[in-house]
Amino acid sequence: MPDATHYRWQDLPTEAVNPSALRQYVTGDGLTVARFEL
């Protein structure tokens, strides 16, 4: 099993999905974690 990697939301780029929604996400082997700001 590979070592875990620690990500901080404040260090990840933010993507504008539309004018009122922002998205950040991290993708790993077999798992994606996302955060949405409305």
Protein backbone atom coordinates (compact mmCIF):
# COMPACT_ATOMS: atom_id res chain seq x y z
CA MET A 1 0.00 0.00 0.00
CA PRO A 2 1.46 3.40 -0.96
CA ASP A 3 1.92 6.15 1.59
CA ALA A 4 -0.89 8.66 2.04
CA THR A 5 -0.47 12.21 0.77
CA HIS A 6 -1.82 15.14 2.79
CA TYR A 7 -3.53 17.91 0.79
CA ARG A 8 -4.75 21.23 2.17
CA TRP A 9 -7.80 22.77 0.51
CA GLN A 10 -6.21 26.22 0.69
CA ASP A 11 -3.29 24.97 -1.44
CA LEU A 12 -5.42 23.46 -4.23
CA PRO A 13 -6.51 25.44 -7.30
CA THR A 14 -10.13 26.58 -7.46
CA GLU A 15 -12.17 26.07 -10.62
CA ALA A 16 -15.24 28.16 -11.44
CA VAL A 17 -17.91 25.66 -12.50
CA ASN A 18 -20.29 28.55 -13.21
CA PRO A 19 -20.53 32.16 -11.93
CA SER A 20 -21.95 31.07 -8.56
CA ALA A 21 -20.14 27.76 -7.88
CA LEU A 22 -16.47 26.99 -7.22
CA ARG A 23 -14.92 23.52 -7.16
CA GLN A 24 -11.73 21.99 -5.78
CA TYR A 25 -10.86 18.32 -6.02
CA VAL A 26 -8.17 15.73 -5.40
CA THR A 27 -8.00 12.51 -7.39
CA GLY A 28 -6.19 9.41 -6.19
CA ASP A 29 -6.14 5.72 -7.06
CA GLY A 30 -9.79 4.71 -7.01
CA LEU A 31 -11.08 7.79 -5.14
CA THR A 32 -11.92 11.42 -5.90
CA VAL A 33 -12.74 13.93 -3.15
CA ALA A 34 -14.32 17.25 -4.11
CA ARG A 35 -15.34 20.42 -2.32
CA PHE A 36 -17.94 22.80 -3.73
CA GLU A 37 -18.51 26.39 -2.64
CA LEU A 38 -21.86 27.91 -3.58
